[in-house]
Structures are given as C-alpha cells and as structure tokens.
Amino acid sequence: MVKKSVGSPRRKRKLIKAETYGGVLLLGATVLALIWANSPLGHIYDSIFHYEIGIASSHFTLQESVLHWINDGLMAIFFFMIGLEIKREMLIGHLNTVKKASFPVFAALGGMIVPVSIYLIFNNDPETVRGWGIPAATDIAFSLAILQLLGKRVPIALKVFLATFAVADDLGAVIVIAAFYSVGIKWAMLVGAFAIMAVLMILSRKGIYSRLLYFSASLVVWYFFLKSGIHPTVAGVLLAFTIPISKKMDVKTYVLKITGIIKDFRASDEEDKKPVLTKMQLKKIDEIKSCTHKVSSPLQQLEYGLHDWVNYLIIPLFALANAGVKLRTGGSIDITLALIIMISLFAGKTIGITMFSYIGSWLGIATIPKDIDLQHLIGVACLGGVGFTMSIFIANLAFFGYPEILNSAKMGIIMGSLISGVTGYTLLKMMSPKPLAEV
C-alpha cells in the first residue's frame, strides 16, 4: 500500500511497483485457477490443494490441507502486514487524528454498510444469508494496482484516499471476521494467546525487540488462535500492534556516524588493489549495518520487507488456490446468490462510498480534498467494489462445508470485482485522458 508516511520517494516507487505487478500476478493467478479447475486436469487442481500435510505424533497433531495452510497460515502473514499498516496509519499517518481520519473512515463505513444492506435486502435464503460480510471488503492490492495503471491521470490525493479508506475498510473486515465468523471459542487458548501478546507489548514499550523472540512467540499465538475458534488471521493483525514503531537512532545522528565510518573505511591505493578487505574494513561494514538497522523502526522494516512476499507470492497463491470456480457442473451455480453479491459489490460500494463521503462533508466532520471532485470520487468508489481477496476469504469462512454455495459466491465475487474494476478504470480514464502536470 502506498501512503505518505512510508518513507522516501524511492521507497514509495518500489511499493507502487509492487502493488501494480502484484495486481497483474493476482489477475494471472485467477485466470489460471479458472482454466485449470475447469480443464481435463481439474482433478489435479483439487488433489493438490486438498492434500493434507502437517505434523502428527502421539502428543501433538497439526495436519491441514494445502488450501487450509494457505488460508490459515500464509494469509496470517498478509493480515500481519495489514496490521502493521493500520498501526502506522493510526499513529503517524492519515488516521492519527479525528480530522484526518474522518473522510476515509466515513467512506469505509459507507463502503461496508450499504453493500451489506443490499445483500440482506435481496437475500431471503436462510442458507446463504450468512454470507452478508462478503461484499463489505475491498481488495487493496487489486484496487490500487488498477488505479496505478492510470499513472498521472489521477491526482495523488485520490491515490492516498483509496489507500487510506482501504486500510480503514480492512480494519472493519477484521472486526467482522473476529466477531461474526468465529465459532465455538475455547477461552483457555484465547487467554494464553493474549497473555503472550501482553508480554510482547510490554517488551515493545521498553524498547526491547528481538526478531527471533517475536517470531517464536507469534507462532505460539497463531497456534492458540487456530485452536481457540477465532480465525488465526486475526492473530496476525493483533500481533502487528506489538511491534515497536520507534527507532533507536535519528537520521541526523545516523548521517554523522555513517560519514565518520566511511572516512575510516577508505583504503589506501595499495590496499584497494587487493581482492579482500582488511579486518578494520570488515568491522566498519558491521558498524554500518548496525547503524542502518537502528535508524529504521522494526515496524517499518517488517512492513517493507514483507511487502514483496505478500504481493508477489502469498496473494497470487491465495488466488490460485481459491479462485478455481467449477463452471462445468451444470445447475450447481446459484445464479441468484452470484448476482446479489455482484450487485452488492458494484452498486453497494459505489453508492456507499460516494454517499457517506458527502454526508461526512455535509455534517462538517470530514473534508473532501480540493483535488478530488464528484467524478473522481465515483470512479474510485467503483474501485472499492473490487473485493476479490478479502471477499473470497470471508466467503470461505461463511460457507465452509458447503462447496456449491461457496462456488456460487466466488462467481459473484469475480463478476462484481471485474465490473467494478473495469468501470472504475474507464470512468477515471475518461475524466482525464491526458496525464496531469507534475506538481
């Protein structure tokens, strides 16, 4: 996700590229999954993702299908990164004050309330009503990738707005998952998980941080959530809030120290011709690494380091494993459910985000940036209807054990996301056929 608080322009450009290329990979994985699942090799697709792997002994058993390892394990890393972004935005970004947060939060509320309302109004089937949370979500990677394809045709304020309301939307989706899609809670496991996180939070406040310690503790917390009845991806978000955001060295001190180290590092002409460095030079390299590690916060290091792994591997793999909708099974597709989800995503997000943004402005609580007009807002609201990753994730929770209903829900998500993405892109491109001038 691309936000002003991420860091240097070079870092921003890297994250923008990651979103764009990640969106392309996500689309490619989706198309591949659809073709593969409906081809003569569809049985291989099913056997791969339903193959069970894990650890089994007389005292401990943890075995899941490949699909569940992706959805429960790898997606916990995705949600961990989401949690890091939410924490950063709430502390130093666009959600750190009521005034800053009002506009994107109003948009996120509208983008959840209206789609859910449409779903519930049109859905009278008690078997599928549980899927009401599906159209509430926005796919950050996909929507930002589509907006980024427009380049300088759209104002930077619009990109910041989409990124920020998508983060607020993700926070809402996490709350929905934790509150409404968790069953049979085992409180002992949950108490153990929160006790560990409390210790990590205390260490964070004292400035004590060790990657090995946090990683080991996170695995235990993830396992406790897995067995508690609350989806383990929620653990990823909560664990992110235990990661320190403060850094141990300011930039000015860093520059002074690095300058001094480089002066000491310089080799003589005779030494420079040798294929190896001196012990003193190796020591100075270690000092540079140490200083560089201290000048950025653990939160920023993790967010930046995970970004490519999430966009280039985890999300495309999730799409490959979950987008294989069976189209050749005749009457198994519930067209009504698919259409309701499609309309909820497209119409619900467009109306909800636009309407609530203007309600916030009318009430005087939120301020619409001057670079964003009504047409911009409608275009980006359409992109909010791209709910692919998060919507499929919630569908898996809502319709677990009901493959035909899940298949129909996925079809509606794919159609709604496709229509939302194409419409949003077309509207925004028509509004500004030529790139905007650099500011």
Protein backbone atom coordinates (compact mmCIF):
# COMPACT_ATOMS: atom_id res chain seq x y z
CA MET A 1 0.00 0.00 0.00
CA VAL A 2 1.26 3.43 -0.84
CA LYS A 3 0.99 6.11 1.78
CA LYS A 4 2.80 9.35 2.54
CA SER A 5 4.30 8.05 5.70
CA VAL A 6 6.03 5.11 4.04
CA GLY A 7 9.30 6.96 3.58
CA SER A 8 11.50 8.19 0.77
CA PRO A 9 10.27 8.74 -2.83
CA ARG A 10 12.40 5.78 -3.90
CA ARG A 11 10.70 3.55 -1.35
CA LYS A 12 7.27 4.82 -2.43
CA ARG A 13 8.05 4.00 -6.05
CA LYS A 14 9.09 0.47 -5.04
CA LEU A 15 5.83 -0.08 -3.16
CA ILE A 16 3.81 1.32 -6.07
CA LYS A 17 5.53 -1.12 -8.44
CA ALA A 18 4.86 -3.95 -6.01
CA GLU A 19 1.13 -3.12 -5.99
CA THR A 20 1.00 -2.87 -9.80
CA TYR A 21 2.96 -6.05 -10.54
CA GLY A 22 1.22 -7.81 -7.65
CA GLY A 23 -2.14 -6.92 -9.19
CA VAL A 24 -1.02 -8.38 -12.53
CA LEU A 25 0.12 -11.59 -10.80
CA LEU A 26 -3.16 -11.74 -8.90
CA LEU A 27 -5.14 -11.46 -12.13
CA GLY A 28 -2.93 -14.06 -13.81
CA ALA A 29 -3.34 -16.49 -10.90
CA THR A 30 -7.12 -16.02 -11.00
CA VAL A 31 -7.34 -16.75 -14.72
CA LEU A 32 -5.02 -19.75 -14.34
CA ALA A 33 -7.14 -21.14 -11.48
CA LEU A 34 -10.36 -20.81 -13.51
CA ILE A 35 -8.83 -22.50 -16.57
CA TRP A 36 -7.08 -25.22 -14.58
CA ALA A 37 -10.10 -26.10 -12.41
CA ASN A 38 -12.35 -26.43 -15.48
CA SER A 39 -9.88 -28.29 -17.67
CA PRO A 40 -9.39 -32.06 -18.00
CA LEU A 41 -6.64 -31.58 -15.39
CA GLY A 42 -9.13 -30.22 -12.85
CA HIS A 43 -8.75 -33.35 -10.70
CA ILE A 44 -5.05 -32.49 -10.23
CA TYR A 45 -6.04 -28.98 -9.08
CA ASP A 46 -8.36 -30.49 -6.47
CA SER A 47 -5.91 -33.14 -5.32
CA ILE A 48 -3.05 -30.65 -4.85
CA PHE A 49 -4.97 -28.15 -2.73
CA HIS A 50 -6.82 -30.80 -0.72
CA TYR A 51 -3.70 -32.84 0.03
CA GLU A 52 -3.07 -32.92 3.79
CA ILE A 53 0.33 -32.17 5.26
CA GLY A 54 1.50 -31.42 8.78
CA ILE A 55 2.93 -32.92 11.94
CA ALA A 56 1.45 -35.91 13.72
CA SER A 57 2.65 -37.66 16.88
CA SER A 58 1.14 -39.26 19.97
CA HIS A 59 1.21 -35.93 21.85
CA PHE A 60 0.79 -33.31 19.14
CA THR A 61 -1.10 -33.21 15.85
CA LEU A 62 -1.30 -30.36 13.37
CA GLN A 63 -2.45 -31.52 9.96
CA GLU A 64 -4.29 -29.39 7.41
CA SER A 65 -4.89 -29.43 3.67
CA VAL A 66 -2.66 -27.28 1.45
CA LEU A 67 -5.68 -24.99 0.96
CA HIS A 68 -6.05 -24.51 4.72
CA TRP A 69 -2.32 -23.89 5.19
CA ILE A 70 -2.60 -21.10 2.63
CA ASN A 71 -5.82 -19.63 4.06
CA ASP A 72 -4.98 -20.05 7.75
CA GLY A 73 -1.19 -19.79 7.65
CA LEU A 74 0.10 -17.69 4.77
CA MET A 75 -2.87 -15.35 4.96
CA ALA A 76 -1.99 -14.69 8.60
CA ILE A 77 1.20 -13.07 7.23
CA PHE A 78 -0.94 -10.97 4.87
CA PHE A 79 -3.10 -9.85 7.79
CA PHE A 80 0.03 -9.18 9.85
CA MET A 81 1.18 -6.74 7.16
CA ILE A 82 -2.30 -5.19 7.13
CA GLY A 83 -1.99 -4.77 10.90
CA LEU A 84 1.37 -3.04 10.53
CA GLU A 85 -0.17 -0.61 8.03
CA ILE A 86 -3.16 0.05 10.28
CA LYS A 87 -0.91 0.74 13.28
CA ARG A 88 1.31 3.08 11.24
CA GLU A 89 -1.66 4.98 9.87
CA MET A 90 -3.26 5.29 13.32
CA LEU A 91 -0.06 6.56 14.95
CA ILE A 92 1.66 8.73 12.34
CA GLY A 93 -0.39 8.53 9.13
CA HIS A 94 -3.76 9.55 7.76
CA LEU A 95 -5.76 8.03 10.63
CA ASN A 96 -3.84 9.58 13.54
CA THR A 97 -6.34 12.38 14.23
CA VAL A 98 -10.11 12.63 14.01
CA LYS A 99 -9.86 15.29 11.32
CA LYS A 100 -7.50 13.25 9.14
CA ALA A 101 -9.39 10.01 9.64
CA SER A 102 -12.92 11.37 9.13
CA PHE A 103 -13.01 11.40 5.32
CA PRO A 104 -11.61 7.88 4.65
CA VAL A 105 -13.41 6.42 7.69
CA PHE A 106 -16.78 7.80 6.52
CA ALA A 107 -16.04 6.32 3.07
CA ALA A 108 -15.12 2.95 4.60
CA LEU A 109 -18.30 2.92 6.72
CA GLY A 110 -20.43 3.63 3.67
CA GLY A 111 -18.49 1.02 1.72
CA MET A 112 -19.46 -1.58 4.33
CA ILE A 113 -22.96 -0.58 5.46
CA VAL A 114 -24.59 -0.09 2.04
CA PRO A 115 -23.26 -3.30 0.37
CA VAL A 116 -24.22 -5.38 3.42
CA SER A 117 -27.68 -3.77 3.44
CA ILE A 118 -28.22 -4.55 -0.25
CA TYR A 119 -27.14 -8.16 0.33
CA LEU A 120 -29.55 -8.61 3.24
CA ILE A 121 -32.46 -6.84 1.49
CA PHE A 122 -32.30 -9.00 -1.63
CA ASN A 123 -31.26 -12.27 0.02
CA ASN A 124 -34.18 -14.21 1.50
CA ASP A 125 -32.45 -17.58 1.53
CA PRO A 126 -31.58 -18.67 5.10
CA GLU A 127 -28.83 -20.92 3.73
CA THR A 128 -26.90 -18.03 2.19
CA VAL A 129 -27.73 -15.10 4.47
CA ARG A 130 -24.59 -15.90 6.49
CA GLY A 131 -22.53 -14.52 3.62
CA TRP A 132 -23.55 -10.91 4.37
CA GLY A 133 -19.95 -9.97 5.18
CA ILE A 134 -18.69 -10.85 1.67
CA PRO A 135 -19.44 -7.51 -0.08
CA ALA A 136 -18.13 -5.44 2.84
CA ALA A 137 -14.48 -5.90 1.88
CA THR A 138 -12.16 -4.13 -0.57
CA ASP A 139 -9.10 -5.76 -2.15
CA ILE A 140 -6.30 -3.27 -1.54
CA ALA A 141 -3.76 -4.82 -3.91
CA PHE A 142 -6.16 -5.14 -6.84
CA SER A 143 -7.83 -1.72 -6.47
CA LEU A 144 -4.57 0.17 -6.01
CA ALA A 145 -2.98 -1.69 -8.93
CA ILE A 146 -5.87 -0.62 -11.20
CA LEU A 147 -5.61 2.99 -10.03
CA GLN A 148 -1.86 2.93 -10.53
CA LEU A 149 -2.34 1.91 -14.18
CA LEU A 150 -3.79 5.40 -14.72
CA GLY A 151 -0.47 6.92 -13.64
CA LYS A 152 -0.51 10.72 -13.57
CA ARG A 153 -4.05 10.91 -14.97
CA VAL A 154 -5.41 10.97 -11.41
CA PRO A 155 -4.38 13.32 -8.58
CA ILE A 156 -2.13 11.94 -5.85
CA ALA A 157 -4.82 12.85 -3.30
CA LEU A 158 -7.09 10.24 -4.90
CA LYS A 159 -4.46 7.51 -4.54
CA VAL A 160 -3.88 8.46 -0.90
CA PHE A 161 -7.65 8.44 -0.30
CA LEU A 162 -8.09 4.97 -1.82
CA ALA A 163 -5.15 3.56 0.14
CA THR A 164 -6.37 5.10 3.42
CA PHE A 165 -10.02 4.13 3.19
CA ALA A 166 -8.92 0.62 2.13
CA VAL A 167 -6.92 0.36 5.37
CA ALA A 168 -9.96 1.51 7.38
CA ASP A 169 -12.06 -0.98 5.40
CA ASP A 170 -9.60 -3.77 6.28
CA LEU A 171 -9.89 -2.91 9.96
CA GLY A 172 -13.66 -3.23 9.65
CA ALA A 173 -13.29 -6.56 7.82
CA VAL A 174 -11.04 -7.91 10.60
CA ILE A 175 -13.63 -6.91 13.21
CA VAL A 176 -16.36 -8.64 11.18
CA ILE A 177 -14.28 -11.83 10.89
CA ALA A 178 -13.47 -11.88 14.61
CA ALA A 179 -16.99 -11.04 15.80
CA PHE A 180 -19.23 -12.89 13.36
CA TYR A 181 -17.23 -15.68 11.71
CA SER A 182 -15.73 -17.30 14.79
CA VAL A 183 -17.45 -20.27 16.43
CA GLY A 184 -17.01 -22.49 19.49
CA ILE A 185 -14.49 -20.24 21.25
CA LYS A 186 -12.09 -22.01 23.62
CA TRP A 187 -11.32 -19.32 26.16
CA ALA A 188 -8.27 -21.02 27.69
CA MET A 189 -6.46 -20.91 24.35
CA LEU A 190 -7.50 -17.31 23.85
CA VAL A 191 -6.32 -16.26 27.33
CA GLY A 192 -2.94 -17.89 26.63
CA ALA A 193 -2.61 -16.02 23.32
CA PHE A 194 -3.45 -12.66 24.88
CA ALA A 195 -1.06 -13.29 27.78
CA ILE A 196 1.81 -13.79 25.34
CA MET A 197 0.82 -10.69 23.37
CA ALA A 198 0.68 -8.69 26.61
CA VAL A 199 4.29 -9.67 27.35
CA LEU A 200 5.31 -8.68 23.81
CA MET A 201 3.56 -5.33 24.24
CA ILE A 202 5.43 -4.66 27.50
CA LEU A 203 8.75 -5.52 25.83
CA SER A 204 7.84 -3.22 22.94
CA ARG A 205 7.15 -0.32 25.29
CA LYS A 206 10.50 -0.88 26.98
CA GLY A 207 12.25 -0.80 23.60
CA ILE A 208 13.21 -4.48 23.74
CA TYR A 209 12.87 -6.17 20.36
CA SER A 210 14.28 -9.44 19.04
CA ARG A 211 13.08 -10.90 15.75
CA LEU A 212 13.71 -14.47 16.94
CA LEU A 213 11.75 -13.89 20.16
CA TYR A 214 8.83 -12.23 18.37
CA PHE A 215 8.76 -14.88 15.63
CA SER A 216 8.74 -17.75 18.15
CA ALA A 217 6.05 -16.09 20.27
CA SER A 218 3.99 -15.33 17.14
CA LEU A 219 3.94 -18.99 16.12
CA VAL A 220 2.58 -19.94 19.54
CA VAL A 221 -0.05 -17.17 19.42
CA TRP A 222 -1.08 -18.24 15.90
CA TYR A 223 -1.49 -21.85 17.08
CA PHE A 224 -3.54 -20.79 20.11
CA PHE A 225 -5.87 -18.75 17.86
CA LEU A 226 -6.14 -21.67 15.44
CA LYS A 227 -7.35 -23.91 18.26
CA SER A 228 -9.43 -21.23 20.02
CA GLY A 229 -12.18 -20.96 17.40
CA ILE A 230 -11.26 -17.43 16.30
CA HIS A 231 -9.71 -17.39 12.87
CA PRO A 232 -5.88 -17.34 13.15
CA THR A 233 -5.54 -14.47 10.69
CA VAL A 234 -6.94 -12.19 13.42
CA ALA A 235 -3.81 -13.08 15.41
CA GLY A 236 -1.75 -11.62 12.57
CA VAL A 237 -3.41 -8.22 12.94
CA LEU A 238 -3.16 -8.19 16.74
CA LEU A 239 0.49 -9.28 16.73
CA ALA A 240 1.32 -6.36 14.44
CA PHE A 241 0.30 -3.97 17.22
CA THR A 242 3.04 -5.40 19.47
CA ILE A 243 5.79 -4.40 17.01
CA PRO A 244 7.64 -1.21 18.06
CA ILE A 245 7.33 1.80 15.77
CA SER A 246 10.06 3.86 17.43
CA LYS A 247 13.62 3.84 16.13
CA LYS A 248 16.83 3.79 18.17
CA MET A 249 18.71 6.41 16.16
CA ASP A 250 17.58 9.65 14.49
CA VAL A 251 18.54 10.48 10.91
CA LYS A 252 20.90 13.32 11.86
CA THR A 253 22.92 11.07 14.19
CA TYR A 254 22.89 8.32 11.55
CA VAL A 255 24.33 10.61 8.87
CA LEU A 256 27.09 11.82 11.21
CA LYS A 257 28.03 8.29 12.28
CA ILE A 258 27.97 6.89 8.73
CA THR A 259 30.09 9.78 7.46
CA GLY A 260 32.69 9.08 10.14
CA ILE A 261 32.66 5.34 9.46
CA ILE A 262 33.13 5.88 5.71
CA LYS A 263 36.11 8.15 6.36
CA ASP A 264 37.71 5.41 8.46
CA PHE A 265 36.80 2.78 5.86
CA ARG A 266 38.65 4.39 2.96
CA ALA A 267 41.51 2.19 1.89
CA SER A 268 44.95 3.24 0.65
CA ASP A 269 45.72 2.81 -3.04
CA GLU A 270 47.78 -0.26 -2.27
CA GLU A 271 45.03 -1.90 -0.19
CA ASP A 272 42.38 -1.04 -2.79
CA LYS A 273 44.08 -3.33 -5.34
CA LYS A 274 43.76 -6.38 -3.09
CA PRO A 275 40.82 -8.79 -3.66
CA VAL A 276 39.94 -8.84 0.07
CA LEU A 277 39.12 -6.21 2.67
CA THR A 278 41.09 -5.59 5.84
CA LYS A 279 39.75 -6.64 9.25
CA MET A 280 39.22 -2.96 10.05
CA GLN A 281 37.11 -2.50 6.91
CA LEU A 282 35.00 -5.57 7.72
CA LYS A 283 34.45 -4.14 11.19
CA LYS A 284 33.35 -0.82 9.70
CA ILE A 285 30.86 -2.65 7.44
CA ASP A 286 29.35 -4.27 10.55
CA GLU A 287 29.10 -0.82 12.14
CA ILE A 288 27.27 0.49 9.06
CA LYS A 289 24.83 -2.43 9.23
CA SER A 290 24.23 -1.80 12.93
CA CYS A 291 23.56 1.91 12.42
CA THR A 292 21.31 1.24 9.42
CA HIS A 293 19.31 -1.24 11.48
CA LYS A 294 18.82 1.35 14.26
CA VAL A 295 17.72 4.24 12.01
CA SER A 296 14.51 2.48 10.88
CA SER A 297 11.84 1.15 13.24
CA PRO A 298 11.11 -2.59 13.50
CA LEU A 299 7.58 -1.90 12.22
CA GLN A 300 8.85 -0.18 9.09
CA GLN A 301 11.49 -2.85 8.47
CA LEU A 302 8.90 -5.64 8.65
CA GLU A 303 6.30 -3.81 6.56
CA TYR A 304 8.82 -3.00 3.86
CA GLY A 305 10.39 -6.46 3.95
CA LEU A 306 7.06 -8.34 3.77
CA HIS A 307 5.53 -6.21 1.03
CA ASP A 308 7.05 -8.06 -1.93
CA TRP A 309 6.49 -11.50 -0.38
CA VAL A 310 2.81 -10.71 0.15
CA ASN A 311 2.21 -9.12 -3.26
CA TYR A 312 4.31 -11.47 -5.35
CA LEU A 313 3.72 -14.80 -3.59
CA ILE A 314 1.07 -15.00 -0.86
CA ILE A 315 -1.82 -13.16 -2.55
CA PRO A 316 -1.32 -14.78 -6.01
CA LEU A 317 -1.04 -18.20 -4.32
CA PHE A 318 -4.24 -17.49 -2.39
CA ALA A 319 -5.98 -16.59 -5.67
CA LEU A 320 -4.67 -19.74 -7.37
CA ALA A 321 -5.95 -21.92 -4.53
CA ASN A 322 -9.33 -20.23 -4.09
CA ALA A 323 -10.46 -18.89 -7.49
CA GLY A 324 -10.94 -22.29 -9.13
CA VAL A 325 -14.70 -21.95 -9.58
CA LYS A 326 -16.21 -25.02 -11.26
CA LEU A 327 -18.17 -23.80 -14.28
CA ARG A 328 -18.92 -27.11 -15.92
CA THR A 329 -21.10 -28.61 -13.17
CA GLY A 330 -24.43 -27.64 -14.71
CA GLY A 331 -27.03 -26.41 -12.24
CA SER A 332 -24.72 -26.18 -9.21
CA ILE A 333 -24.24 -22.42 -9.62
CA ASP A 334 -26.77 -20.39 -7.59
CA ILE A 335 -27.28 -17.54 -10.08
CA THR A 336 -29.38 -15.54 -7.60
CA LEU A 337 -26.65 -15.56 -4.96
CA ALA A 338 -23.97 -14.71 -7.53
CA LEU A 339 -26.00 -11.75 -8.82
CA ILE A 340 -26.75 -10.45 -5.31
CA ILE A 341 -23.04 -10.47 -4.44
CA MET A 342 -22.14 -8.87 -7.77
CA ILE A 343 -24.69 -6.05 -7.29
CA SER A 344 -23.74 -5.61 -3.63
CA LEU A 345 -20.09 -5.16 -4.52
CA PHE A 346 -20.53 -2.93 -7.55
CA ALA A 347 -23.61 -0.83 -6.72
CA GLY A 348 -23.22 -1.06 -2.93
CA LYS A 349 -19.62 0.13 -2.82
CA THR A 350 -20.16 2.86 -5.43
CA ILE A 351 -23.23 4.29 -3.70
CA GLY A 352 -21.99 3.75 -0.14
CA ILE A 353 -18.53 5.28 -0.50
CA THR A 354 -19.79 8.27 -2.51
CA MET A 355 -22.85 8.95 -0.35
CA PHE A 356 -21.15 8.63 3.03
CA SER A 357 -18.20 10.78 1.91
CA TYR A 358 -20.60 13.61 1.09
CA ILE A 359 -22.62 13.03 4.28
CA GLY A 360 -19.41 13.47 6.29
CA SER A 361 -18.63 16.65 4.37
CA TRP A 362 -22.20 17.96 4.79
CA LEU A 363 -22.06 17.34 8.55
CA GLY A 364 -18.80 19.30 8.68
CA ILE A 365 -16.94 16.36 10.20
CA ALA A 366 -14.98 15.31 7.10
CA THR A 367 -13.32 17.46 4.46
CA ILE A 368 -13.05 16.31 0.84
CA PRO A 369 -9.59 17.22 -0.55
CA LYS A 370 -9.76 20.04 -3.11
CA ASP A 371 -8.12 17.90 -5.82
CA ILE A 372 -10.96 15.34 -5.63
CA ASP A 373 -14.28 16.16 -7.35
CA LEU A 374 -17.51 14.14 -7.61
CA GLN A 375 -16.43 12.26 -10.74
CA HIS A 376 -13.12 11.28 -9.13
CA LEU A 377 -14.99 10.10 -6.05
CA ILE A 378 -17.45 7.97 -8.04
CA GLY A 379 -14.61 6.43 -10.06
CA VAL A 380 -12.59 5.44 -7.00
CA ALA A 381 -15.79 4.29 -5.23
CA CYS A 382 -16.27 1.84 -8.12
CA LEU A 383 -12.76 0.52 -7.50
CA GLY A 384 -13.81 -0.07 -3.90
CA GLY A 385 -16.08 -2.78 -5.30
CA VAL A 386 -13.04 -4.86 -6.20
CA GLY A 387 -13.37 -7.12 -3.18
CA PHE A 388 -11.56 -10.13 -4.57
CA THR A 389 -9.07 -11.37 -1.96
CA MET A 390 -10.87 -10.28 1.22
CA SER A 391 -14.32 -11.19 -0.13
CA ILE A 392 -13.24 -14.72 -1.10
CA PHE A 393 -11.59 -15.06 2.28
CA ILE A 394 -14.84 -14.18 4.09
CA ALA A 395 -16.81 -16.43 1.71
CA ASN A 396 -14.59 -19.35 2.74
CA LEU A 397 -15.48 -18.70 6.37
CA ALA A 398 -19.19 -18.13 5.73
CA PHE A 399 -19.79 -21.18 3.54
CA PHE A 400 -17.24 -23.65 4.86
CA GLY A 401 -18.56 -27.16 4.22
CA TYR A 402 -20.98 -26.02 1.50
CA PRO A 403 -18.93 -26.25 -1.72
CA GLU A 404 -21.77 -25.47 -4.14
CA ILE A 405 -22.78 -22.31 -2.26
CA LEU A 406 -19.12 -21.29 -1.96
CA ASN A 407 -18.66 -21.85 -5.69
CA SER A 408 -21.62 -19.56 -6.43
CA ALA A 409 -20.34 -16.90 -4.02
CA LYS A 410 -16.92 -16.92 -5.69
CA MET A 411 -18.55 -16.49 -9.08
CA GLY A 412 -20.42 -13.43 -7.79
CA ILE A 413 -17.21 -12.01 -6.29
CA ILE A 414 -15.29 -12.46 -9.54
CA MET A 415 -18.07 -10.85 -11.61
CA GLY A 416 -18.59 -7.97 -9.15
CA SER A 417 -14.87 -7.28 -8.86
CA LEU A 418 -14.40 -7.40 -12.64
CA ILE A 419 -17.29 -5.00 -13.33
CA SER A 420 -16.16 -2.65 -10.53
CA GLY A 421 -12.56 -2.60 -11.72
CA VAL A 422 -13.35 -2.04 -15.40
CA THR A 423 -15.99 0.63 -14.66
CA GLY A 424 -13.79 2.50 -12.19
CA TYR A 425 -10.79 2.44 -14.53
CA THR A 426 -12.91 3.59 -17.53
CA LEU A 427 -14.57 6.45 -15.62
CA LEU A 428 -11.30 7.79 -14.28
CA LYS A 429 -9.55 7.49 -17.65
CA MET A 430 -12.41 9.25 -19.47
CA MET A 431 -12.27 12.13 -17.00
CA SER A 432 -8.58 12.79 -17.63
CA PRO A 433 -7.44 11.31 -20.97
CA LYS A 434 -4.08 13.08 -20.65
CA PRO A 435 -1.62 12.80 -17.74
CA LEU A 436 -1.87 15.59 -15.17
CA ALA A 437 1.02 18.01 -14.98
CA GLU A 438 3.61 17.33 -12.31
CA VAL A 439 3.17 19.47 -9.19
